[in-house]
N, C-alpha and C. Protein backbone atom coordinates (compact mmCIF):
# COMPACT_ATOMS: atom_id res chain seq x y z
N MET A 1 104.71 82.56 136.40
CA MET A 1 104.50 83.05 137.78
C MET A 1 105.35 84.65 137.38
N VAL A 2 106.43 84.64 137.43
CA VAL A 2 107.13 85.67 137.24
C VAL A 2 106.95 86.55 136.03
N ILE A 3 106.76 85.86 135.03
CA ILE A 3 106.10 86.89 134.12
C ILE A 3 104.99 87.64 133.91
N LEU A 4 103.81 86.70 134.61
CA LEU A 4 102.47 87.61 134.75
C LEU A 4 102.77 88.41 135.66
N LEU A 5 103.61 88.56 136.71
CA LEU A 5 103.85 89.51 137.80
C LEU A 5 104.69 90.64 137.09
N THR A 6 105.51 90.24 136.09
CA THR A 6 106.26 91.37 135.48
C THR A 6 105.36 91.92 134.45
N ILE A 7 104.30 91.12 134.15
CA ILE A 7 103.14 91.97 133.02
C ILE A 7 102.49 93.39 134.06
N VAL A 8 101.83 92.86 134.81
CA VAL A 8 101.21 93.28 136.03
C VAL A 8 102.08 94.58 136.45
N HIS A 9 103.10 94.59 136.81
CA HIS A 9 104.35 95.47 137.14
C HIS A 9 104.54 96.60 135.88
N VAL A 10 104.56 96.27 134.84
CA VAL A 10 104.71 96.99 133.78
C VAL A 10 103.37 98.00 133.65
N ILE A 11 102.27 97.38 133.59
CA ILE A 11 100.92 98.12 133.31
C ILE A 11 101.04 98.88 134.82
N VAL A 12 101.16 98.77 136.23
CA VAL A 12 100.88 99.56 136.91
C VAL A 12 101.63 100.72 137.09
N CYS A 13 102.85 100.29 136.40
CA CYS A 13 104.51 101.75 136.45
C CYS A 13 103.20 102.58 135.15
N LEU A 14 103.07 102.20 133.83
CA LEU A 14 102.39 102.97 132.76
C LEU A 14 101.52 103.70 133.47
N PHE A 15 100.22 102.89 134.09
CA PHE A 15 98.98 103.98 134.74
C PHE A 15 99.35 104.72 135.80
N LEU A 16 100.68 104.14 136.54
CA LEU A 16 100.89 105.32 137.58
C LEU A 16 101.50 106.79 136.96
N VAL A 17 102.21 106.16 136.14
CA VAL A 17 102.90 107.55 134.99
C VAL A 17 101.81 108.57 134.67
N ILE A 18 101.04 107.67 134.01
CA ILE A 18 99.66 108.72 133.59
C ILE A 18 98.99 109.35 134.48
N VAL A 19 98.55 108.88 135.66
CA VAL A 19 97.89 109.67 136.65
C VAL A 19 98.60 110.50 137.37
N VAL A 20 100.27 110.48 137.40
CA VAL A 20 100.75 111.86 138.07
C VAL A 20 100.78 112.96 136.90
N LEU A 21 100.92 112.62 135.88
CA LEU A 21 100.94 113.36 134.73
C LEU A 21 99.77 114.51 134.68
N LEU A 22 98.85 113.69 134.75
CA LEU A 22 97.02 113.94 134.68
C LEU A 22 96.95 115.50 136.12
N GLN A 23 97.57 114.89 137.33
CA GLN A 23 97.34 115.58 138.26
C GLN A 23 97.91 117.18 137.82
N SER A 24 96.89 118.04 138.58
CA SER A 24 97.64 119.86 138.49
C SER A 24 98.15 119.47 139.99
N GLY A 25 99.06 120.63 140.23
CA GLY A 25 100.19 120.76 141.51
C GLY A 25 99.80 121.48 142.42
N LYS A 26 99.50 121.32 143.62
CA LYS A 26 99.13 121.81 144.77
C LYS A 26 99.00 123.17 144.98
N ALA A 27 99.90 124.00 144.80
CA ALA A 27 100.44 125.45 144.38
C ALA A 27 100.45 125.73 143.11
N ALA A 28 99.24 125.75 142.45
CA ALA A 28 99.62 126.08 141.28
C ALA A 28 98.79 127.72 140.77
N ASP A 29 98.68 128.05 141.83
CA ASP A 29 98.23 129.79 141.32
C ASP A 29 99.16 130.62 141.34
N LEU A 30 99.09 131.65 141.25
CA LEU A 30 99.89 132.84 141.37
C LEU A 30 100.61 132.90 142.59
N ALA A 31 100.30 132.31 143.76
CA ALA A 31 100.86 132.85 145.02
C ALA A 31 101.83 131.67 144.88
N GLY A 32 101.44 130.39 144.67
CA GLY A 32 102.30 129.15 144.67
C GLY A 32 103.93 129.43 144.00
N ALA A 33 103.77 130.42 142.63
CA ALA A 33 105.36 131.12 141.82
C ALA A 33 105.76 131.68 143.19
N PHE A 34 105.66 132.11 144.16
CA PHE A 34 106.35 133.38 144.70
C PHE A 34 106.86 132.60 146.53
N GLY A 35 106.40 131.38 146.32
CA GLY A 35 106.29 130.49 147.80
C GLY A 35 104.84 130.97 148.67
N GLY A 36 104.54 131.47 148.24
CA GLY A 36 102.84 131.39 149.42
C GLY A 36 102.29 130.19 149.05
N MET A 37 101.29 129.91 150.48
CA MET A 37 100.75 128.68 150.30
C MET A 37 99.33 129.04 150.48
N GLY A 38 98.87 130.13 149.95
CA GLY A 38 97.72 130.44 149.46
C GLY A 38 96.58 130.36 150.90
N SER A 39 96.76 129.73 151.98
CA SER A 39 96.44 129.24 153.27
C SER A 39 97.71 129.86 154.29
N GLN A 40 96.51 130.16 155.42
CA GLN A 40 97.31 130.25 156.73
C GLN A 40 97.92 128.34 157.46
N THR A 41 97.26 127.81 156.76
CA THR A 41 97.72 126.18 157.47
C THR A 41 99.26 126.20 157.24
N VAL A 42 99.98 125.18 157.55
CA VAL A 42 101.31 124.32 157.85
C VAL A 42 101.58 124.16 156.51
N PHE A 43 100.53 122.97 156.24
CA PHE A 43 100.92 122.24 155.08
C PHE A 43 100.30 122.57 154.04
N GLY A 44 99.89 123.76 153.84
CA GLY A 44 98.76 124.56 152.67
C GLY A 44 97.82 124.27 152.96
N PRO A 45 97.05 124.50 151.96
CA PRO A 45 95.22 124.41 151.79
C PRO A 45 95.04 122.77 151.35
N ARG A 46 94.23 122.27 152.22
CA ARG A 46 93.86 120.88 151.81
C ARG A 46 92.73 120.48 151.62
N GLY A 47 92.13 120.14 150.15
CA GLY A 47 90.81 120.22 149.68
C GLY A 47 90.43 118.54 149.73
N SER A 48 89.39 118.06 149.32
CA SER A 48 89.09 116.77 149.40
C SER A 48 89.83 115.77 148.43
N ALA A 49 89.99 114.59 149.09
CA ALA A 49 90.88 114.12 147.96
C ALA A 49 90.32 113.32 146.61
N THR A 50 90.70 113.83 145.32
CA THR A 50 89.82 113.36 144.17
C THR A 50 89.78 112.22 143.87
N VAL A 51 89.59 111.85 142.90
CA VAL A 51 89.85 110.72 142.36
C VAL A 51 91.32 110.34 141.76
N LEU A 52 91.70 111.25 141.08
CA LEU A 52 93.12 111.13 140.73
C LEU A 52 94.38 110.76 141.86
N SER A 53 93.76 111.45 143.19
CA SER A 53 94.87 111.26 144.07
C SER A 53 94.67 110.19 144.55
N LYS A 54 93.36 109.54 144.62
CA LYS A 54 93.36 108.04 145.15
C LYS A 54 93.49 107.09 144.28
N ALA A 55 93.51 107.32 142.75
CA ALA A 55 94.07 106.41 142.15
C ALA A 55 95.71 106.28 142.28
N THR A 56 96.32 107.46 142.44
CA THR A 56 97.68 107.75 142.68
C THR A 56 97.93 106.75 143.76
N ALA A 57 97.39 106.49 144.63
CA ALA A 57 97.88 106.15 145.84
C ALA A 57 97.89 104.71 145.88
N ILE A 58 96.77 104.39 145.22
CA ILE A 58 96.26 103.01 144.78
C ILE A 58 97.78 102.35 144.14
N ALA A 59 97.77 103.21 142.97
CA ALA A 59 98.76 102.79 141.97
C ALA A 59 100.18 102.72 142.60
N ALA A 60 100.79 103.54 143.35
CA ALA A 60 101.90 103.77 144.05
C ALA A 60 101.87 102.07 145.08
N GLY A 61 100.63 102.07 145.94
CA GLY A 61 100.72 100.93 146.78
C GLY A 61 101.02 99.75 146.16
N LEU A 62 100.32 99.23 144.48
CA LEU A 62 101.00 98.23 143.94
C LEU A 62 102.30 98.29 143.34
N PHE A 63 102.66 99.38 142.78
CA PHE A 63 103.65 99.23 142.29
C PHE A 63 105.01 98.97 143.28
N MET A 64 104.52 99.37 144.70
CA MET A 64 105.87 99.03 145.85
C MET A 64 106.20 97.36 145.79
N LEU A 65 104.51 97.25 146.28
CA LEU A 65 104.02 95.39 145.96
C LEU A 65 104.64 94.28 145.04
N THR A 66 104.32 94.60 143.83
CA THR A 66 104.91 94.19 142.70
C THR A 66 106.35 94.05 142.84
N SER A 67 106.85 95.55 143.05
CA SER A 67 108.54 95.63 142.97
C SER A 67 108.99 94.46 144.00
N LEU A 68 108.60 94.83 145.35
CA LEU A 68 109.05 93.74 146.36
C LEU A 68 109.16 92.54 146.02
N THR A 69 107.69 91.91 145.24
CA THR A 69 107.21 90.53 145.19
C THR A 69 108.23 90.37 144.29
N LEU A 70 108.80 91.30 142.90
CA LEU A 70 109.27 90.57 141.90
C LEU A 70 111.17 90.39 142.35
N SER A 71 111.56 90.97 143.44
CA SER A 71 112.60 91.18 144.07
C SER A 71 113.10 89.93 145.00
N LEU A 72 112.07 89.47 145.73
CA LEU A 72 112.02 88.41 146.65
C LEU A 72 112.25 87.16 145.74
N MET A 73 111.17 87.55 144.70
CA MET A 73 111.13 86.30 143.70
C MET A 73 112.44 85.74 142.94
N SER A 74 113.25 86.57 142.58
CA SER A 74 114.70 86.62 141.91
C SER A 74 115.83 86.45 142.76
N THR A 75 115.54 86.75 144.06
CA THR A 75 116.70 86.62 144.94
C THR A 75 116.32 84.92 145.51
N ARG A 76 115.24 84.63 145.57
CA ARG A 76 114.94 83.34 146.30
C ARG A 76 114.92 82.23 145.23
N SER A 77 115.15 82.58 143.96
CA SER A 77 115.21 81.41 142.93
C SER A 77 116.21 80.52 143.07
N GLY A 78 117.55 81.32 143.40
CA GLY A 78 118.80 80.63 143.96
C GLY A 78 119.66 80.53 142.43
N ARG A 79 119.14 80.58 141.37
CA ARG A 79 120.28 80.67 140.25
C ARG A 79 120.24 82.02 139.82
N SER A 80 121.55 82.35 139.34
CA SER A 80 121.79 83.47 139.09
C SER A 80 122.56 83.11 137.61
N ALA A 81 122.41 84.16 136.55
CA ALA A 81 122.98 84.51 135.33
C ALA A 81 124.59 84.72 135.53
N PRO A 82 125.49 83.11 134.88
CA PRO A 82 126.91 83.45 135.28
C PRO A 82 127.62 84.73 134.97
N SER A 83 128.09 85.38 135.76
CA SER A 83 129.16 86.14 135.28
C SER A 83 129.80 86.45 134.16
N ILE A 84 130.48 87.50 133.52
CA ILE A 84 131.49 87.36 132.46
C ILE A 84 132.64 86.89 132.77
N LEU A 85 133.21 87.11 134.44
CA LEU A 85 134.45 86.44 134.95
C LEU A 85 134.25 85.12 134.85
N ASP A 86 133.29 84.81 135.42
CA ASP A 86 133.32 83.18 135.75
C ASP A 86 133.44 82.48 134.14
N LYS A 87 133.09 83.31 133.52
CA LYS A 87 132.84 82.54 131.91
C LYS A 87 134.61 82.52 131.55
N ALA A 88 135.11 83.72 131.55
CA ALA A 88 136.67 83.66 131.59
C ALA A 88 137.49 82.60 132.57
N LYS A 89 137.10 82.55 133.66
CA LYS A 89 137.72 81.85 134.61
C LYS A 89 137.91 80.27 133.85
N LYS A 90 136.92 80.11 133.59
CA LYS A 90 136.37 78.65 133.31
C LYS A 90 137.08 78.41 131.69
N ALA A 91 137.02 79.57 130.87
CA ALA A 91 137.79 79.27 129.65
C ALA A 91 139.53 79.24 129.85
N ALA A 92 139.83 80.13 130.41
CA ALA A 92 141.28 80.07 130.94
C ALA A 92 141.83 79.03 131.43
N THR A 93 141.03 78.22 131.93
CA THR A 93 141.73 77.02 133.27
C THR A 93 142.18 76.14 131.93
N PRO A 94 141.44 75.58 131.40
CA PRO A 94 141.97 74.58 130.16
C PRO A 94 143.15 75.20 129.25
N ALA A 95 143.12 76.26 128.81
CA ALA A 95 144.28 76.83 127.85
C ALA A 95 145.38 76.71 128.67
N GLN A 96 145.35 76.82 130.65
CA GLN A 96 146.48 77.30 131.10
C GLN A 96 146.77 75.92 130.90
N GLN A 97 146.14 74.54 131.58
CA GLN A 97 146.49 73.35 131.82
C GLN A 97 147.24 72.71 130.62
N LYS A 98 146.47 72.82 129.10
CA LYS A 98 146.93 72.48 128.10
C LYS A 98 148.23 73.06 127.60
N GLY A 99 148.79 73.82 127.84
CA GLY A 99 149.97 74.87 127.40
C GLY A 99 151.35 74.25 128.67
N ALA A 100 150.88 74.40 129.70
CA ALA A 100 151.50 74.22 130.98
C ALA A 100 152.46 72.85 130.36
N PRO A 101 153.90 73.26 130.86
CA PRO A 101 154.76 71.79 130.80
C PRO A 101 154.00 70.59 131.72
N ALA A 102 154.64 69.76 131.28
CA ALA A 102 154.38 68.52 132.67
C ALA A 102 155.49 68.26 134.02
N GLY A 103 154.35 68.33 134.95
CA GLY A 103 154.74 68.45 136.36
C GLY A 103 154.67 69.62 136.69
N ALA A 104 154.08 70.77 135.97
CA ALA A 104 153.98 72.07 136.34
C ALA A 104 153.09 72.09 137.47
N PRO A 105 153.05 73.06 138.87
CA PRO A 105 151.60 73.19 139.31
C PRO A 105 150.43 73.45 139.01
N PRO A 106 149.48 73.38 139.19
CA PRO A 106 148.18 74.05 138.79
C PRO A 106 148.23 75.63 139.10
N GLY A 107 147.64 76.02 137.83
CA GLY A 107 147.91 77.70 138.10
C GLY A 107 149.32 77.97 137.28
N ALA A 108 150.17 77.00 136.98
CA ALA A 108 151.38 77.65 136.42
C ALA A 108 150.84 78.36 135.47
N ILE A 109 151.90 79.55 134.90
CA ILE A 109 151.90 79.90 133.25
C ILE A 109 152.21 79.31 132.61
N PRO A 110 151.86 79.08 131.69
CA PRO A 110 152.37 77.96 130.29
C PRO A 110 153.15 78.83 129.57
N PRO A 111 154.41 78.18 129.07
CA PRO A 111 155.57 78.80 128.08
C PRO A 111 155.02 79.39 126.83
N THR A 112 153.58 79.63 126.59
CA THR A 112 153.02 80.23 125.51
C THR A 112 151.51 80.12 125.32
N VAL A 113 151.19 81.23 124.26
CA VAL A 113 149.66 80.99 124.73
C VAL A 113 149.03 81.27 123.51
N PRO A 114 148.06 81.01 123.29
CA PRO A 114 147.36 80.66 121.98
C PRO A 114 146.41 81.83 121.68
N ILE A 115 146.77 82.66 120.28
CA ILE A 115 146.26 83.64 120.27
C ILE A 115 145.53 83.60 118.43
N THR A 116 144.09 83.85 118.13
CA THR A 116 143.58 83.46 117.10
C THR A 116 143.64 84.96 116.51
N VAL A 117 144.62 84.94 115.07
CA VAL A 117 144.60 86.04 114.60
C VAL A 117 143.60 86.01 112.69
N GLN A 118 143.05 87.19 112.42
CA GLN A 118 142.33 87.22 111.43
C GLN A 118 142.90 88.46 110.63
N THR A 119 143.34 88.76 109.91
CA THR A 119 143.46 89.92 108.63
C THR A 119 143.11 90.09 107.77
N GLU A 120 142.87 91.26 107.66
CA GLU A 120 141.70 91.80 106.62
C GLU A 120 142.32 92.49 105.49
N SER A 121 142.28 92.87 104.27
CA SER A 121 143.11 93.57 103.19
C SER A 121 142.09 93.23 102.22
N GLY A 122 141.44 94.46 101.10
CA GLY A 122 140.59 94.86 100.62
C GLY A 122 139.35 94.71 100.28
N GLY A 123 139.16 94.34 102.17
CA GLY A 123 137.31 94.29 102.26
C GLY A 123 137.43 92.85 102.70
N THR A 124 138.25 91.99 102.28
CA THR A 124 138.04 90.34 102.43
C THR A 124 138.89 89.95 104.14
N LYS A 125 138.30 89.04 104.69
CA LYS A 125 139.07 88.66 105.64
C LYS A 125 139.35 87.51 105.39
N SER A 126 141.04 87.55 106.09
CA SER A 126 141.32 85.62 105.52
C SER A 126 140.83 85.36 106.50
N ALA A 127 141.14 83.51 106.83
CA ALA A 127 140.48 82.42 107.52
C ALA A 127 141.25 82.97 108.81
N PRO A 128 140.73 82.83 110.12
CA PRO A 128 141.32 82.91 111.57
C PRO A 128 142.40 81.50 111.59
N LYS A 129 143.88 82.16 112.21
CA LYS A 129 144.87 81.63 112.20
C LYS A 129 145.37 81.50 113.74
N THR A 130 145.42 80.57 114.43
CA THR A 130 145.83 80.53 115.53
C THR A 130 147.20 80.31 115.80
N ILE A 131 148.01 81.24 116.86
CA ILE A 131 149.50 81.15 116.63
C ILE A 131 149.81 80.95 118.36
N GLU A 132 150.76 80.68 118.66
CA GLU A 132 151.45 80.36 120.01
C GLU A 132 152.48 81.78 119.99
N VAL A 133 152.32 82.61 121.06
CA VAL A 133 153.07 83.58 121.55
C VAL A 133 153.51 83.36 122.77
N PRO A 134 155.02 83.29 122.68
CA PRO A 134 155.57 82.90 124.36
C PRO A 134 154.91 84.14 125.19
N THR A 135 154.72 83.61 126.10
CA THR A 135 154.96 84.14 127.57
C THR A 135 156.21 84.91 128.33
N ILE A 136 155.93 86.22 128.81
CA ILE A 136 156.87 86.74 130.17
C ILE A 136 156.95 86.41 131.07
N PRO A 137 158.00 85.67 131.47
CA PRO A 137 158.10 85.49 132.79
C PRO A 137 158.15 86.95 134.03
N ALA A 138 157.65 86.58 135.33
CA ALA A 138 156.84 87.59 136.07
C ALA A 138 158.33 88.55 136.04
N ASP A 139 159.80 88.01 136.79
CA ASP A 139 160.71 88.54 137.06
C ASP A 139 161.05 89.59 135.67
N GLN A 140 160.82 89.19 134.43
CA GLN A 140 161.06 90.16 133.25
C GLN A 140 160.35 91.24 132.87
N VAL A 141 158.96 91.23 133.48
CA VAL A 141 158.15 92.22 132.89
C VAL A 141 158.46 93.69 133.45
N PRO A 142 158.86 94.34 132.35
CA PRO A 142 159.35 95.67 132.46
C PRO A 142 158.38 96.50 133.47
N GLN A 143 158.88 97.12 134.40
CA GLN A 143 158.15 98.18 135.69
C GLN A 143 158.52 99.40 135.03
N ALA A 144 157.20 100.18 135.50
CA ALA A 144 157.22 101.67 134.81
C ALA A 144 158.08 102.04 136.07
N PRO A 145 158.77 103.38 135.57
CA PRO A 145 159.68 103.87 136.43
C PRO A 145 158.76 104.44 137.55
N PRO A 146 159.00 105.16 138.75
CA PRO A 146 158.52 105.82 140.07
C PRO A 146 158.38 106.90 139.56
N GLN A 147 157.31 107.31 139.71
CA GLN A 147 156.75 108.82 139.22
C GLN A 147 157.24 109.57 140.33
N SER A 148 157.84 110.87 140.12
CA SER A 148 158.76 111.87 140.98
C SER A 148 157.67 113.03 141.41
N LYS A 149 157.22 113.26 142.46
CA LYS A 149 155.96 114.37 142.89
C LYS A 149 156.68 115.65 142.79
N GLN A 150 156.40 116.45 141.95
CA GLN A 150 156.83 117.68 141.57
C GLN A 150 156.15 118.86 142.06
N LYS A 151 156.70 119.90 143.04
CA LYS A 151 155.67 121.10 143.30
C LYS A 151 155.67 122.16 142.27
N LYS A 152 154.11 122.54 142.50
CA LYS A 152 153.79 123.68 141.21
C LYS A 152 153.67 124.53 141.97
């Protein structure tokens, strides 16, 4: 159903673009270039509705209807694609538990972190190698010096 509605939506979009581009402007004469409306009415001259203006109105209505329907269908489905942050969180959890010392609370920083390294020399890549890099405790992380405000 969603695929069919998406196809109809794309066709309506293309039709709407074509119909709008085929129309001429309301103030297309020389008076329109200088801000004149060509008539003494408030909203300019009002001619009879042409086939193109009727087609534009119908296509715009269909565009709004299909957009609203697709939006409702996507939010009501209840399933969304997992975000990158969710994937990173799931991938980091086993690595932290694997390297954490015995008896450490969950979420504790492990003493080492595995990093995969692959070197390249002469246009050929070596086989990936995993090395253990020690982590820095939070109290030993260097802090940036406070920046002083200088008056100009």
